[in-house]
């Protein structure tokens, strides 16, 4: 089992693609959320996921940190 924890900085963005450093053999399960956001009116979601990357979407333009957890093999 591979577990990768990543944080990504968003700067007035509503979507971003993050490349995994781990070598997943299958598409991993991914969860994401804002980290330390003072405004809780953000919906963070997975737009796309492959064995090598994930694209995170946010319901509105966001500046701050997003935590990403990828779990797979």
PDB file of N, CA and C in Angstrom:
ATOM      1  N   UNK A   1       0.843  -1.176   0.000  1.00  0.00           N
ATOM      2  CA  UNK A   1       0.000   0.000   0.000  1.00  0.00           C
ATOM      3  C   UNK A   1       0.890   1.242   0.000  1.00  0.00           C
ATOM      4  N   UNK A   2       0.493   2.227  -0.775  1.00  0.00           N
ATOM      5  CA  UNK A   2       1.202   3.502  -0.853  1.00  0.00           C
ATOM      6  C   UNK A   2       0.260   4.601  -0.353  1.00  0.00           C
ATOM      7  N   UNK A   3       0.752   5.435   0.550  1.00  0.00           N
ATOM      8  CA  UNK A   3      -0.010   6.588   1.018  1.00  0.00           C
ATOM      9  C   UNK A   3       0.857   7.817   0.770  1.00  0.00           C
ATOM     10  N   UNK A   4       0.341   8.746  -0.026  1.00  0.00           N
ATOM     11  CA  UNK A   4       1.072   9.978  -0.302  1.00  0.00           C
ATOM     12  C   UNK A   4       0.285  11.160   0.239  1.00  0.00           C
ATOM     13  N   UNK A   5       0.957  11.995   1.014  1.00  0.00           N
ATOM     14  CA  UNK A   5       0.356  13.203   1.565  1.00  0.00           C
ATOM     15  C   UNK A   5       1.038  14.400   0.923  1.00  0.00           C
ATOM     16  N   UNK A   6       0.237  15.288   0.352  1.00  0.00           N
ATOM     17  CA  UNK A   6       0.770  16.439  -0.374  1.00  0.00           C
ATOM     18  C   UNK A   6      -0.001  17.684   0.048  1.00  0.00           C
ATOM     19  N   UNK A   7       0.700  18.809   0.121  1.00  0.00           N
ATOM     20  CA  UNK A   7       0.010  20.090   0.251  1.00  0.00           C
ATOM     21  C   UNK A   7       0.353  20.907  -0.980  1.00  0.00           C
ATOM     22  N   UNK A   8      -0.610  21.680  -1.447  1.00  0.00           N
ATOM     23  CA  UNK A   8      -0.404  22.501  -2.624  1.00  0.00           C
ATOM     24  C   UNK A   8      -0.941  23.897  -2.352  1.00  0.00           C
ATOM     25  N   UNK A   9      -0.163  24.892  -2.735  1.00  0.00           N
ATOM     26  CA  UNK A   9      -0.571  26.285  -2.549  1.00  0.00           C
ATOM     27  C   UNK A   9      -1.369  26.754  -3.766  1.00  0.00           C
ATOM     28  N   UNK A  10      -2.547  27.289  -3.504  1.00  0.00           N
ATOM     29  CA  UNK A  10      -3.377  27.891  -4.542  1.00  0.00           C
ATOM     30  C   UNK A  10      -3.265  29.404  -4.401  1.00  0.00           C
ATOM     31  N   UNK A  11      -3.191  30.116  -5.511  1.00  0.00           N
ATOM     32  CA  UNK A  11      -3.110  31.574  -5.499  1.00  0.00           C
ATOM     33  C   UNK A  11      -4.119  32.125  -6.507  1.00  0.00           C
ATOM     34  N   UNK A  12      -5.296  32.505  -6.006  1.00  0.00           N
ATOM     35  CA  UNK A  12      -6.394  32.979  -6.860  1.00  0.00           C
ATOM     36  C   UNK A  12      -6.698  31.984  -7.973  1.00  0.00           C
ATOM     37  N   UNK A  13      -6.795  30.706  -7.598  1.00  0.00           N
ATOM     38  CA  UNK A  13      -7.050  29.635  -8.559  1.00  0.00           C
ATOM     39  C   UNK A  13      -8.271  28.835  -8.129  1.00  0.00           C
ATOM     40  N   UNK A  14      -8.925  28.226  -9.107  1.00  0.00           N
ATOM     41  CA  UNK A  14     -10.048  27.345  -8.795  1.00  0.00           C
ATOM     42  C   UNK A  14      -9.804  25.921  -9.283  1.00  0.00           C
ATOM     43  N   UNK A  15      -8.626  25.674  -9.871  1.00  0.00           N
ATOM     44  CA  UNK A  15      -8.284  24.339 -10.345  1.00  0.00           C
ATOM     45  C   UNK A  15      -6.772  24.230 -10.462  1.00  0.00           C
ATOM     46  N   UNK A  16      -6.249  23.057 -10.143  1.00  0.00           N
ATOM     47  CA  UNK A  16      -4.799  22.854 -10.246  1.00  0.00           C
ATOM     48  C   UNK A  16      -4.515  21.362 -10.365  1.00  0.00           C
ATOM     49  N   UNK A  17      -3.517  21.019 -11.186  1.00  0.00           N
ATOM     50  CA  UNK A  17      -3.083  19.636 -11.333  1.00  0.00           C
ATOM     51  C   UNK A  17      -1.793  19.431 -10.540  1.00  0.00           C
ATOM     52  N   UNK A  18      -1.784  18.388  -9.725  1.00  0.00           N
ATOM     53  CA  UNK A  18      -0.643  18.050  -8.889  1.00  0.00           C
ATOM     54  C   UNK A  18      -0.122  16.685  -9.336  1.00  0.00           C
ATOM     55  N   UNK A  19       1.180  16.573  -9.541  1.00  0.00           N
ATOM     56  CA  UNK A  19       1.805  15.314  -9.938  1.00  0.00           C
ATOM     57  C   UNK A  19       2.259  14.558  -8.689  1.00  0.00           C
ATOM     58  N   UNK A  20       1.930  13.281  -8.631  1.00  0.00           N
ATOM     59  CA  UNK A  20       2.344  12.442  -7.511  1.00  0.00           C
ATOM     60  C   UNK A  20       3.843  12.147  -7.600  1.00  0.00           C
ATOM     61  N   UNK A  21       4.499  12.009  -6.457  1.00  0.00           N
ATOM     62  CA  UNK A  21       5.897  11.574  -6.445  1.00  0.00           C
ATOM     63  C   UNK A  21       5.989  10.049  -6.342  1.00  0.00           C
ATOM     64  N   UNK A  22       4.910   9.410  -5.881  1.00  0.00           N
ATOM     65  CA  UNK A  22       4.875   7.942  -5.774  1.00  0.00           C
ATOM     66  C   UNK A  22       4.528   7.320  -7.120  1.00  0.00           C
ATOM     67  N   UNK A  23       4.930   6.067  -7.275  1.00  0.00           N
ATOM     68  CA  UNK A  23       4.625   5.324  -8.495  1.00  0.00           C
ATOM     69  C   UNK A  23       3.452   4.382  -8.239  1.00  0.00           C
ATOM     70  N   UNK A  24       2.248   4.883  -8.404  1.00  0.00           N
ATOM     71  CA  UNK A  24       1.056   4.057  -8.217  1.00  0.00           C
ATOM     72  C   UNK A  24       0.903   3.128  -9.413  1.00  0.00           C
ATOM     73  N   UNK A  25       0.598   1.851  -9.153  1.00  0.00           N
ATOM     74  CA  UNK A  25       0.373   0.899 -10.244  1.00  0.00           C
ATOM     75  C   UNK A  25      -1.077   0.915 -10.706  1.00  0.00           C
ATOM     76  N   UNK A  26      -1.964   1.403  -9.840  1.00  0.00           N
ATOM     77  CA  UNK A  26      -3.383   1.569 -10.165  1.00  0.00           C
ATOM     78  C   UNK A  26      -3.786   2.982  -9.768  1.00  0.00           C
ATOM     79  N   UNK A  27      -4.905   3.448 -10.291  1.00  0.00           N
ATOM     80  CA  UNK A  27      -5.382   4.787  -9.947  1.00  0.00           C
ATOM     81  C   UNK A  27      -5.709   4.817  -8.450  1.00  0.00           C
ATOM     82  N   UNK A  28      -5.106   5.739  -7.703  1.00  0.00           N
ATOM     83  CA  UNK A  28      -5.334   5.783  -6.248  1.00  0.00           C
ATOM     84  C   UNK A  28      -6.658   6.443  -5.885  1.00  0.00           C
ATOM     85  N   UNK A  29      -7.110   6.178  -4.682  1.00  0.00           N
ATOM     86  CA  UNK A  29      -8.228   6.912  -4.095  1.00  0.00           C
ATOM     87  C   UNK A  29      -7.643   8.220  -3.579  1.00  0.00           C
ATOM     88  N   UNK A  30      -8.338   9.334  -3.798  1.00  0.00           N
ATOM     89  CA  UNK A  30      -7.805  10.636  -3.420  1.00  0.00           C
ATOM     90  C   UNK A  30      -8.864  11.431  -2.668  1.00  0.00           C
ATOM     91  N   UNK A  31      -8.425  12.092  -1.588  1.00  0.00           N
ATOM     92  CA  UNK A  31      -9.283  13.036  -0.883  1.00  0.00           C
ATOM     93  C   UNK A  31      -8.519  14.347  -0.761  1.00  0.00           C
ATOM     94  N   UNK A  32      -9.253  15.453  -0.710  1.00  0.00           N
ATOM     95  CA  UNK A  32      -8.624  16.767  -0.617  1.00  0.00           C
ATOM     96  C   UNK A  32      -9.512  17.694   0.188  1.00  0.00           C
ATOM     97  N   UNK A  33      -8.868  18.628   0.884  1.00  0.00           N
ATOM     98  CA  UNK A  33      -9.619  19.655   1.612  1.00  0.00           C
ATOM     99  C   UNK A  33      -8.739  20.878   1.817  1.00  0.00           C
ATOM    100  N   UNK A  34      -9.396  22.012   2.093  1.00  0.00           N
ATOM    101  CA  UNK A  34      -8.632  23.220   2.377  1.00  0.00           C
ATOM    102  C   UNK A  34      -8.021  23.091   3.760  1.00  0.00           C
ATOM    103  N   UNK A  35      -6.882  23.688   3.923  1.00  0.00           N
ATOM    104  CA  UNK A  35      -6.154  23.592   5.190  1.00  0.00           C
ATOM    105  C   UNK A  35      -6.097  24.981   5.823  1.00  0.00           C
ATOM    106  N   UNK A  36      -6.761  25.120   6.966  1.00  0.00           N
ATOM    107  CA  UNK A  36      -6.714  26.385   7.684  1.00  0.00           C
ATOM    108  C   UNK A  36      -7.498  27.514   7.053  1.00  0.00           C
ATOM    109  N   UNK A  37      -8.462  27.196   6.195  1.00  0.00           N
ATOM    110  CA  UNK A  37      -9.251  28.253   5.563  1.00  0.00           C
ATOM    111  C   UNK A  37     -10.147  28.924   6.600  1.00  0.00           C
ATOM    112  N   UNK A  38     -10.128  30.250   6.627  1.00  0.00           N
ATOM    113  CA  UNK A  38     -10.977  30.980   7.576  1.00  0.00           C
ATOM    114  C   UNK A  38     -12.403  31.086   7.060  1.00  0.00           C
ATOM    115  N   UNK A  39     -12.575  30.953   5.761  1.00  0.00           N
ATOM    116  CA  UNK A  39     -13.909  30.972   5.150  1.00  0.00           C
ATOM    117  C   UNK A  39     -14.239  29.542   4.756  1.00  0.00           C
ATOM    118  N   UNK A  40     -15.261  28.967   5.355  1.00  0.00           N
ATOM    119  CA  UNK A  40     -15.586  27.560   5.108  1.00  0.00           C
ATOM    120  C   UNK A  40     -16.533  27.355   3.928  1.00  0.00           C
ATOM    121  N   UNK A  41     -16.715  28.359   3.097  1.00  0.00           N
ATOM    122  CA  UNK A  41     -17.637  28.248   1.977  1.00  0.00           C
ATOM    123  C   UNK A  41     -16.965  27.763   0.694  1.00  0.00           C
ATOM    124  N   UNK A  42     -15.997  26.873   0.828  1.00  0.00           N
ATOM    125  CA  UNK A  42     -15.309  26.300  -0.322  1.00  0.00           C
ATOM    126  C   UNK A  42     -15.674  24.828  -0.447  1.00  0.00           C
ATOM    127  N   UNK A  43     -15.976  24.417  -1.669  1.00  0.00           N
ATOM    128  CA  UNK A  43     -16.200  23.010  -1.957  1.00  0.00           C
ATOM    129  C   UNK A  43     -14.989  22.511  -2.749  1.00  0.00           C
ATOM    130  N   UNK A  44     -14.210  21.633  -2.152  1.00  0.00           N
ATOM    131  CA  UNK A  44     -13.029  21.073  -2.810  1.00  0.00           C
ATOM    132  C   UNK A  44     -13.411  19.712  -3.374  1.00  0.00           C
ATOM    133  N   UNK A  45     -13.056  19.469  -4.634  1.00  0.00           N
ATOM    134  CA  UNK A  45     -13.455  18.213  -5.264  1.00  0.00           C
ATOM    135  C   UNK A  45     -12.373  17.740  -6.240  1.00  0.00           C
ATOM    136  N   UNK A  46     -12.453  16.479  -6.595  1.00  0.00           N
ATOM    137  CA  UNK A  46     -11.520  15.864  -7.538  1.00  0.00           C
ATOM    138  C   UNK A  46     -12.114  15.994  -8.934  1.00  0.00           C
ATOM    139  N   UNK A  47     -11.406  16.702  -9.818  1.00  0.00           N
ATOM    140  CA  UNK A  47     -11.864  16.824 -11.210  1.00  0.00           C
ATOM    141  C   UNK A  47     -11.428  15.623 -12.042  1.00  0.00           C
ATOM    142  N   UNK A  48     -10.195  15.148 -11.797  1.00  0.00           N
ATOM    143  CA  UNK A  48      -9.663  14.010 -12.545  1.00  0.00           C
ATOM    144  C   UNK A  48      -8.527  13.396 -11.743  1.00  0.00           C
ATOM    145  N   UNK A  49      -8.346  12.094 -11.908  1.00  0.00           N
ATOM    146  CA  UNK A  49      -7.230  11.416 -11.243  1.00  0.00           C
ATOM    147  C   UNK A  49      -6.705  10.311 -12.152  1.00  0.00           C
ATOM    148  N   UNK A  50      -5.370  10.218 -12.225  1.00  0.00           N
ATOM    149  CA  UNK A  50      -4.704   9.155 -12.977  1.00  0.00           C
ATOM    150  C   UNK A  50      -3.671   8.516 -12.040  1.00  0.00           C
ATOM    151  N   UNK A  51      -2.895   7.587 -12.541  1.00  0.00           N
ATOM    152  CA  UNK A  51      -1.847   6.976 -11.727  1.00  0.00           C
ATOM    153  C   UNK A  51      -0.740   7.969 -11.397  1.00  0.00           C
ATOM    154  N   UNK A  52      -0.616   9.051 -12.169  1.00  0.00           N
ATOM    155  CA  UNK A  52       0.497   9.984 -11.994  1.00  0.00           C
ATOM    156  C   UNK A  52       0.116  11.362 -11.471  1.00  0.00           C
ATOM    157  N   UNK A  53      -1.177  11.725 -11.505  1.00  0.00           N
ATOM    158  CA  UNK A  53      -1.560  13.071 -11.081  1.00  0.00           C
ATOM    159  C   UNK A  53      -3.021  13.155 -10.678  1.00  0.00           C
ATOM    160  N   UNK A  54      -3.347  14.262 -10.045  1.00  0.00           N
ATOM    161  CA  UNK A  54      -4.731  14.553  -9.677  1.00  0.00           C
ATOM    162  C   UNK A  54      -4.998  16.017  -9.999  1.00  0.00           C
ATOM    163  N   UNK A  55      -6.188  16.299 -10.487  1.00  0.00           N
ATOM    164  CA  UNK A  55      -6.615  17.677 -10.702  1.00  0.00           C
ATOM    165  C   UNK A  55      -7.659  18.001  -9.653  1.00  0.00           C
ATOM    166  N   UNK A  56      -7.360  19.025  -8.847  1.00  0.00           N
ATOM    167  CA  UNK A  56      -8.236  19.464  -7.771  1.00  0.00           C
ATOM    168  C   UNK A  56      -9.043  20.658  -8.250  1.00  0.00           C
ATOM    169  N   UNK A  57     -10.332  20.641  -7.996  1.00  0.00           N
ATOM    170  CA  UNK A  57     -11.192  21.772  -8.302  1.00  0.00           C
ATOM    171  C   UNK A  57     -11.719  22.387  -7.009  1.00  0.00           C
ATOM    172  N   UNK A  58     -11.948  23.682  -7.028  1.00  0.00           N
ATOM    173  CA  UNK A  58     -12.524  24.395  -5.885  1.00  0.00           C
ATOM    174  C   UNK A  58     -13.670  25.228  -6.413  1.00  0.00           C
ATOM    175  N   UNK A  59     -14.747  25.299  -5.645  1.00  0.00           N
ATOM    176  CA  UNK A  59     -15.986  25.920  -6.105  1.00  0.00           C
ATOM    177  C   UNK A  59     -15.872  27.408  -6.410  1.00  0.00           C
ATOM    178  N   UNK A  60     -14.846  28.063  -5.895  1.00  0.00           N
ATOM    179  CA  UNK A  60     -14.608  29.463  -6.212  1.00  0.00           C
ATOM    180  C   UNK A  60     -13.105  29.723  -6.142  1.00  0.00           C
ATOM    181  N   UNK A  61     -12.692  30.857  -6.672  1.00  0.00           N
ATOM    182  CA  UNK A  61     -11.271  31.198  -6.639  1.00  0.00           C
ATOM    183  C   UNK A  61     -10.797  31.175  -5.190  1.00  0.00           C
ATOM    184  N   UNK A  62      -9.634  30.549  -4.966  1.00  0.00           N
ATOM    185  CA  UNK A  62      -9.131  30.315  -3.610  1.00  0.00           C
ATOM    186  C   UNK A  62      -7.650  30.650  -3.525  1.00  0.00           C
ATOM    187  N   UNK A  63      -7.267  31.264  -2.437  1.00  0.00           N
ATOM    188  CA  UNK A  63      -5.860  31.471  -2.111  1.00  0.00           C
ATOM    189  C   UNK A  63      -5.618  30.820  -0.762  1.00  0.00           C
ATOM    190  N   UNK A  64      -4.734  29.834  -0.738  1.00  0.00           N
ATOM    191  CA  UNK A  64      -4.443  29.110   0.488  1.00  0.00           C
ATOM    192  C   UNK A  64      -3.911  27.733   0.173  1.00  0.00           C
ATOM    193  N   UNK A  65      -3.895  26.891   1.189  1.00  0.00           N
ATOM    194  CA  UNK A  65      -3.312  25.555   1.089  1.00  0.00           C
ATOM    195  C   UNK A  65      -4.394  24.498   0.969  1.00  0.00           C
ATOM    196  N   UNK A  66      -4.160  23.526   0.100  1.00  0.00           N
ATOM    197  CA  UNK A  66      -5.033  22.362  -0.030  1.00  0.00           C
ATOM    198  C   UNK A  66      -4.218  21.126   0.341  1.00  0.00           C
ATOM    199  N   UNK A  67      -4.782  20.297   1.214  1.00  0.00           N
ATOM    200  CA  UNK A  67      -4.166  19.023   1.599  1.00  0.00           C
ATOM    201  C   UNK A  67      -4.728  17.919   0.736  1.00  0.00           C
ATOM    202  N   UNK A  68      -3.854  17.058   0.246  1.00  0.00           N
ATOM    203  CA  UNK A  68      -4.255  15.970  -0.649  1.00  0.00           C
ATOM    204  C   UNK A  68      -3.696  14.669  -0.094  1.00  0.00           C
ATOM    205  N   UNK A  69      -4.553  13.654  -0.012  1.00  0.00           N
ATOM    206  CA  UNK A  69      -4.146  12.320   0.445  1.00  0.00           C
ATOM    207  C   UNK A  69      -4.466  11.355  -0.685  1.00  0.00           C
ATOM    208  N   UNK A  70      -3.462  10.648  -1.162  1.00  0.00           N
ATOM    209  CA  UNK A  70      -3.659   9.633  -2.197  1.00  0.00           C
ATOM    210  C   UNK A  70      -3.291   8.276  -1.602  1.00  0.00           C
ATOM    211  N   UNK A  71      -4.189   7.311  -1.773  1.00  0.00           N
ATOM    212  CA  UNK A  71      -4.000   5.981  -1.194  1.00  0.00           C
ATOM    213  C   UNK A  71      -4.191   4.946  -2.301  1.00  0.00           C
ATOM    214  N   UNK A  72      -3.199   4.112  -2.487  1.00  0.00           N
ATOM    215  CA  UNK A  72      -3.305   3.105  -3.533  1.00  0.00           C
ATOM    216  C   UNK A  72      -2.183   2.092  -3.438  1.00  0.00           C
ATOM    217  N   UNK A  73      -1.941   1.436  -4.556  1.00  0.00           N
ATOM    218  CA  UNK A  73      -0.865   0.448  -4.600  1.00  0.00           C
ATOM    219  C   UNK A  73      -0.037   0.639  -5.853  1.00  0.00           C
TER     220      UNK A  73
END
